[in-house]
């Protein structure tokens, strides 16, 4: 459930890093183009969750990606300073790295 937030924040932070390295005068903006892929990642990962009931798959598994996408439409064009974007994005990149490393080390039985 936190993957879309981590994904969007990590992209925001990496964009802020680019702005700082380039000494750019632009601000980093949240956009629906950022939340669209976050919603797609959420929808793809929702199929990997073992939902207890059918309504959970429909309302949480499919409703949450739609909610993330709608948040992208609401928060479109909110801008942050590159430094602030970097400060919020670095922890998200680290957490995503840890989550991915832990998932890669899991043994999945074949058949």
N, C-alpha and C. Protein backbone atom coordinates (compact mmCIF):
# COMPACT_ATOMS: atom_id res chain seq x y z
N UNK A 1 0.82 -1.19 0.00
CA UNK A 1 0.00 0.00 0.00
C UNK A 1 0.86 1.26 0.00
N UNK A 2 2.08 1.16 0.44
CA UNK A 2 2.94 2.34 0.46
C UNK A 2 3.78 2.48 -0.79
N UNK A 3 3.75 1.49 -1.66
CA UNK A 3 4.60 1.52 -2.85
C UNK A 3 4.33 2.73 -3.74
N UNK A 4 3.06 3.13 -3.99
CA UNK A 4 2.89 4.29 -4.86
C UNK A 4 3.45 5.57 -4.25
N UNK A 5 3.28 5.72 -2.95
CA UNK A 5 3.83 6.91 -2.29
C UNK A 5 5.36 6.89 -2.35
N UNK A 6 5.97 5.73 -2.08
CA UNK A 6 7.42 5.62 -2.16
C UNK A 6 7.92 5.85 -3.59
N UNK A 7 7.22 5.30 -4.56
CA UNK A 7 7.60 5.46 -5.95
C UNK A 7 7.56 6.93 -6.36
N UNK A 8 6.44 7.59 -6.07
CA UNK A 8 6.30 9.00 -6.45
C UNK A 8 7.32 9.87 -5.73
N UNK A 9 7.56 9.60 -4.45
CA UNK A 9 8.52 10.38 -3.69
C UNK A 9 9.94 10.13 -4.17
N UNK A 10 10.25 8.90 -4.54
CA UNK A 10 11.59 8.59 -5.05
C UNK A 10 11.84 9.31 -6.38
N UNK A 11 10.86 9.30 -7.27
CA UNK A 11 11.01 10.01 -8.54
C UNK A 11 11.14 11.51 -8.29
N UNK A 12 10.37 12.02 -7.37
CA UNK A 12 10.45 13.44 -7.02
C UNK A 12 11.84 13.78 -6.49
N UNK A 13 12.37 12.92 -5.62
CA UNK A 13 13.70 13.16 -5.06
C UNK A 13 14.80 13.08 -6.10
N UNK A 14 14.70 12.11 -7.02
CA UNK A 14 15.71 12.01 -8.07
C UNK A 14 15.64 13.19 -9.03
N UNK A 15 14.45 13.70 -9.27
CA UNK A 15 14.30 14.90 -10.09
C UNK A 15 14.90 16.10 -9.37
N UNK A 16 14.70 16.17 -8.06
CA UNK A 16 15.32 17.23 -7.27
C UNK A 16 16.84 17.15 -7.30
N UNK A 17 17.37 15.93 -7.26
CA UNK A 17 18.82 15.74 -7.36
C UNK A 17 19.33 16.25 -8.70
N UNK A 18 18.61 15.95 -9.77
CA UNK A 18 18.99 16.46 -11.08
C UNK A 18 18.97 17.98 -11.12
N UNK A 19 17.97 18.58 -10.49
CA UNK A 19 17.90 20.03 -10.44
C UNK A 19 19.05 20.65 -9.68
N UNK A 20 19.47 20.00 -8.60
CA UNK A 20 20.60 20.51 -7.82
C UNK A 20 21.90 20.33 -8.58
N UNK A 21 22.09 19.17 -9.21
CA UNK A 21 23.34 18.93 -9.95
C UNK A 21 23.47 19.85 -11.16
N UNK A 22 22.35 20.19 -11.77
CA UNK A 22 22.37 21.08 -12.93
C UNK A 22 22.31 22.55 -12.55
N UNK A 23 22.17 22.82 -11.25
CA UNK A 23 22.02 24.18 -10.75
C UNK A 23 20.88 24.89 -11.48
N UNK A 24 19.77 24.18 -11.58
CA UNK A 24 18.62 24.68 -12.33
C UNK A 24 17.82 25.66 -11.48
N UNK A 25 17.16 26.58 -12.16
CA UNK A 25 16.34 27.55 -11.44
C UNK A 25 14.86 27.14 -11.39
N UNK A 26 14.52 25.98 -11.97
CA UNK A 26 13.15 25.51 -11.94
C UNK A 26 12.85 24.76 -10.66
N UNK A 27 11.57 24.68 -10.36
CA UNK A 27 11.11 23.94 -9.18
C UNK A 27 10.61 22.57 -9.63
N UNK A 28 10.70 21.61 -8.76
CA UNK A 28 10.23 20.25 -9.05
C UNK A 28 8.72 20.22 -8.82
N UNK A 29 7.99 19.73 -9.80
CA UNK A 29 6.53 19.73 -9.68
C UNK A 29 5.99 18.31 -9.61
N UNK A 30 4.97 18.17 -8.80
CA UNK A 30 4.19 16.94 -8.81
C UNK A 30 3.26 17.03 -10.02
N UNK A 31 3.12 15.95 -10.72
CA UNK A 31 2.25 15.98 -11.89
C UNK A 31 1.46 14.69 -12.00
N UNK A 32 0.41 14.75 -12.79
CA UNK A 32 -0.36 13.53 -13.02
C UNK A 32 0.47 12.51 -13.78
N UNK A 33 1.50 12.97 -14.52
CA UNK A 33 2.40 12.04 -15.20
C UNK A 33 3.24 11.25 -14.21
N UNK A 34 3.42 11.77 -13.02
CA UNK A 34 4.14 11.04 -11.97
C UNK A 34 3.22 10.05 -11.26
N UNK A 35 1.99 10.45 -11.02
CA UNK A 35 1.06 9.59 -10.30
C UNK A 35 0.47 8.50 -11.19
N UNK A 36 0.45 8.71 -12.50
CA UNK A 36 -0.04 7.67 -13.41
C UNK A 36 0.77 6.39 -13.32
N UNK A 37 2.11 6.47 -13.46
CA UNK A 37 2.92 5.26 -13.27
C UNK A 37 2.83 4.69 -11.85
N UNK A 38 2.67 5.57 -10.86
CA UNK A 38 2.51 5.07 -9.48
C UNK A 38 1.22 4.26 -9.36
N UNK A 39 0.17 4.72 -10.01
CA UNK A 39 -1.09 3.96 -10.00
C UNK A 39 -0.93 2.65 -10.75
N UNK A 40 -0.17 2.66 -11.84
CA UNK A 40 0.06 1.43 -12.61
C UNK A 40 0.85 0.42 -11.78
N UNK A 41 1.87 0.88 -11.08
CA UNK A 41 2.66 -0.01 -10.21
C UNK A 41 1.76 -0.60 -9.12
N UNK A 42 0.88 0.21 -8.57
CA UNK A 42 -0.05 -0.25 -7.54
C UNK A 42 -1.00 -1.31 -8.10
N UNK A 43 -1.50 -1.08 -9.31
CA UNK A 43 -2.41 -2.05 -9.91
C UNK A 43 -1.71 -3.37 -10.19
N UNK A 44 -0.48 -3.32 -10.65
CA UNK A 44 0.26 -4.55 -10.95
C UNK A 44 0.57 -5.31 -9.66
N UNK A 45 0.99 -4.59 -8.62
CA UNK A 45 1.32 -5.25 -7.36
C UNK A 45 0.08 -5.76 -6.63
N UNK A 46 -1.08 -5.19 -6.92
CA UNK A 46 -2.31 -5.62 -6.26
C UNK A 46 -2.67 -7.07 -6.57
N UNK A 47 -2.27 -7.56 -7.73
CA UNK A 47 -2.57 -8.95 -8.08
C UNK A 47 -1.70 -9.94 -7.30
N UNK A 48 -0.58 -9.48 -6.76
CA UNK A 48 0.29 -10.35 -5.98
C UNK A 48 -0.14 -10.50 -4.54
N UNK A 49 -1.10 -9.72 -4.11
CA UNK A 49 -1.58 -9.76 -2.72
C UNK A 49 -2.62 -10.86 -2.59
N UNK A 50 -2.53 -11.62 -1.54
CA UNK A 50 -3.52 -12.66 -1.27
C UNK A 50 -4.65 -12.03 -0.43
N UNK A 51 -5.68 -11.57 -1.13
CA UNK A 51 -6.80 -10.93 -0.45
C UNK A 51 -7.65 -11.99 0.23
N UNK A 52 -8.19 -11.65 1.39
CA UNK A 52 -8.98 -12.61 2.16
C UNK A 52 -10.36 -12.83 1.54
N UNK A 53 -10.96 -11.77 1.02
CA UNK A 53 -12.29 -11.90 0.43
C UNK A 53 -12.30 -11.25 -0.95
N UNK A 54 -13.35 -11.56 -1.70
CA UNK A 54 -13.46 -11.03 -3.06
C UNK A 54 -13.66 -9.51 -3.05
N UNK A 55 -14.43 -8.99 -2.08
CA UNK A 55 -14.67 -7.54 -2.07
C UNK A 55 -13.38 -6.77 -1.83
N UNK A 56 -12.44 -7.35 -1.08
CA UNK A 56 -11.17 -6.67 -0.86
C UNK A 56 -10.40 -6.53 -2.18
N UNK A 57 -10.42 -7.56 -2.99
CA UNK A 57 -9.74 -7.49 -4.29
C UNK A 57 -10.34 -6.38 -5.15
N UNK A 58 -11.67 -6.26 -5.14
CA UNK A 58 -12.32 -5.26 -5.98
C UNK A 58 -12.18 -3.87 -5.42
N UNK A 59 -12.47 -3.68 -4.14
CA UNK A 59 -12.51 -2.33 -3.59
C UNK A 59 -11.16 -1.80 -3.18
N UNK A 60 -10.29 -2.65 -2.69
CA UNK A 60 -8.95 -2.19 -2.30
C UNK A 60 -7.97 -2.42 -3.44
N UNK A 61 -7.97 -3.61 -4.00
CA UNK A 61 -7.02 -3.94 -5.05
C UNK A 61 -7.19 -3.14 -6.32
N UNK A 62 -8.41 -2.81 -6.66
CA UNK A 62 -8.67 -2.00 -7.86
C UNK A 62 -9.02 -0.55 -7.53
N UNK A 63 -9.61 -0.32 -6.38
CA UNK A 63 -9.98 1.04 -6.00
C UNK A 63 -8.81 1.90 -5.59
N UNK A 64 -7.82 1.30 -4.95
CA UNK A 64 -6.67 2.07 -4.48
C UNK A 64 -5.84 2.65 -5.64
N UNK A 65 -5.57 1.89 -6.71
CA UNK A 65 -4.88 2.51 -7.85
C UNK A 65 -5.67 3.66 -8.47
N UNK A 66 -6.98 3.53 -8.51
CA UNK A 66 -7.81 4.63 -9.03
C UNK A 66 -7.70 5.84 -8.11
N UNK A 67 -7.68 5.61 -6.81
CA UNK A 67 -7.51 6.70 -5.83
C UNK A 67 -6.16 7.39 -6.01
N UNK A 68 -5.10 6.61 -6.23
CA UNK A 68 -3.77 7.19 -6.44
C UNK A 68 -3.76 8.05 -7.69
N UNK A 69 -4.39 7.56 -8.76
CA UNK A 69 -4.46 8.34 -9.99
C UNK A 69 -5.25 9.63 -9.79
N UNK A 70 -6.36 9.56 -9.07
CA UNK A 70 -7.15 10.76 -8.80
C UNK A 70 -6.38 11.76 -7.94
N UNK A 71 -5.56 11.26 -7.02
CA UNK A 71 -4.70 12.16 -6.23
C UNK A 71 -3.72 12.89 -7.16
N UNK A 72 -3.26 12.21 -8.19
CA UNK A 72 -2.39 12.86 -9.17
C UNK A 72 -3.08 13.99 -9.90
N UNK A 73 -4.37 13.82 -10.17
CA UNK A 73 -5.12 14.89 -10.81
C UNK A 73 -5.33 16.07 -9.87
N UNK A 74 -5.53 15.78 -8.58
CA UNK A 74 -5.75 16.84 -7.60
C UNK A 74 -4.46 17.60 -7.31
N UNK A 75 -3.35 16.87 -7.14
CA UNK A 75 -2.08 17.50 -6.76
C UNK A 75 -1.23 17.89 -7.97
N UNK A 76 -1.81 17.92 -9.15
CA UNK A 76 -1.08 18.30 -10.35
C UNK A 76 -0.57 19.75 -10.22
N UNK A 77 0.65 19.97 -10.62
CA UNK A 77 1.32 21.28 -10.63
C UNK A 77 1.66 21.84 -9.25
N UNK A 78 1.67 21.02 -8.21
CA UNK A 78 2.20 21.46 -6.93
C UNK A 78 3.72 21.41 -7.04
N UNK A 79 4.39 22.51 -6.72
CA UNK A 79 5.84 22.56 -6.93
C UNK A 79 6.59 22.64 -5.61
N UNK A 80 7.78 22.06 -5.63
CA UNK A 80 8.68 22.05 -4.47
C UNK A 80 10.05 22.54 -4.90
N UNK A 81 10.80 23.08 -3.95
CA UNK A 81 12.18 23.44 -4.22
C UNK A 81 12.99 22.15 -4.43
N UNK A 82 14.00 22.17 -5.31
CA UNK A 82 14.78 20.95 -5.55
C UNK A 82 15.40 20.36 -4.29
N UNK A 83 15.84 21.20 -3.37
CA UNK A 83 16.42 20.70 -2.12
C UNK A 83 15.41 19.95 -1.28
N UNK A 84 14.20 20.49 -1.18
CA UNK A 84 13.14 19.83 -0.41
C UNK A 84 12.74 18.53 -1.07
N UNK A 85 12.66 18.52 -2.41
CA UNK A 85 12.34 17.29 -3.12
C UNK A 85 13.41 16.23 -2.89
N UNK A 86 14.67 16.65 -2.88
CA UNK A 86 15.76 15.71 -2.64
C UNK A 86 15.71 15.15 -1.22
N UNK A 87 15.44 16.01 -0.25
CA UNK A 87 15.39 15.57 1.15
C UNK A 87 14.26 14.56 1.37
N UNK A 88 13.14 14.75 0.69
CA UNK A 88 12.04 13.79 0.86
C UNK A 88 12.25 12.54 0.01
N UNK A 89 12.99 12.66 -1.09
CA UNK A 89 13.16 11.53 -1.99
C UNK A 89 14.23 10.54 -1.61
N UNK A 90 15.29 10.99 -0.94
CA UNK A 90 16.39 10.08 -0.58
C UNK A 90 15.93 8.96 0.34
N UNK A 91 15.18 9.25 1.41
CA UNK A 91 14.69 8.13 2.23
C UNK A 91 13.80 7.17 1.45
N UNK A 92 13.01 7.69 0.52
CA UNK A 92 12.14 6.81 -0.27
C UNK A 92 12.96 5.89 -1.16
N UNK A 93 14.03 6.40 -1.75
CA UNK A 93 14.90 5.56 -2.58
C UNK A 93 15.55 4.47 -1.73
N UNK A 94 15.99 4.82 -0.53
CA UNK A 94 16.62 3.85 0.36
C UNK A 94 15.61 2.77 0.78
N UNK A 95 14.41 3.19 1.16
CA UNK A 95 13.39 2.22 1.58
C UNK A 95 13.01 1.31 0.42
N UNK A 96 12.84 1.87 -0.78
CA UNK A 96 12.54 1.02 -1.94
C UNK A 96 13.66 0.04 -2.21
N UNK A 97 14.90 0.48 -2.07
CA UNK A 97 16.04 -0.43 -2.26
C UNK A 97 16.02 -1.58 -1.27
N UNK A 98 15.70 -1.29 -0.02
CA UNK A 98 15.63 -2.33 1.01
C UNK A 98 14.49 -3.30 0.72
N UNK A 99 13.33 -2.77 0.34
CA UNK A 99 12.18 -3.63 0.04
C UNK A 99 12.49 -4.54 -1.14
N UNK A 100 13.09 -3.99 -2.18
CA UNK A 100 13.42 -4.80 -3.36
C UNK A 100 14.46 -5.85 -3.01
N UNK A 101 15.47 -5.49 -2.22
CA UNK A 101 16.50 -6.46 -1.83
C UNK A 101 15.91 -7.60 -1.01
N UNK A 102 14.99 -7.27 -0.12
CA UNK A 102 14.36 -8.33 0.69
C UNK A 102 13.50 -9.25 -0.17
N UNK A 103 12.78 -8.67 -1.13
CA UNK A 103 11.94 -9.49 -1.99
C UNK A 103 12.76 -10.38 -2.91
N UNK A 104 13.91 -9.92 -3.34
CA UNK A 104 14.75 -10.72 -4.23
C UNK A 104 15.37 -11.90 -3.52
N UNK A 105 15.53 -11.81 -2.21
CA UNK A 105 16.14 -12.89 -1.45
C UNK A 105 15.16 -13.97 -1.04
N UNK A 106 13.89 -13.78 -1.30
CA UNK A 106 12.89 -14.80 -0.94
C UNK A 106 12.97 -15.94 -1.93
N UNK A 107 12.83 -17.15 -1.40
CA UNK A 107 12.84 -18.34 -2.22
C UNK A 107 11.40 -18.67 -2.60
N UNK A 108 11.16 -18.77 -3.90
CA UNK A 108 9.83 -19.11 -4.39
C UNK A 108 9.88 -20.53 -4.93
N UNK A 109 9.05 -21.43 -4.36
CA UNK A 109 9.08 -22.81 -4.85
C UNK A 109 8.51 -22.92 -6.28
N UNK A 110 9.11 -23.75 -7.07
CA UNK A 110 8.64 -23.97 -8.43
C UNK A 110 7.67 -25.14 -8.41
N UNK A 111 6.47 -24.88 -8.85
CA UNK A 111 5.39 -25.87 -8.90
C UNK A 111 5.17 -26.40 -7.56
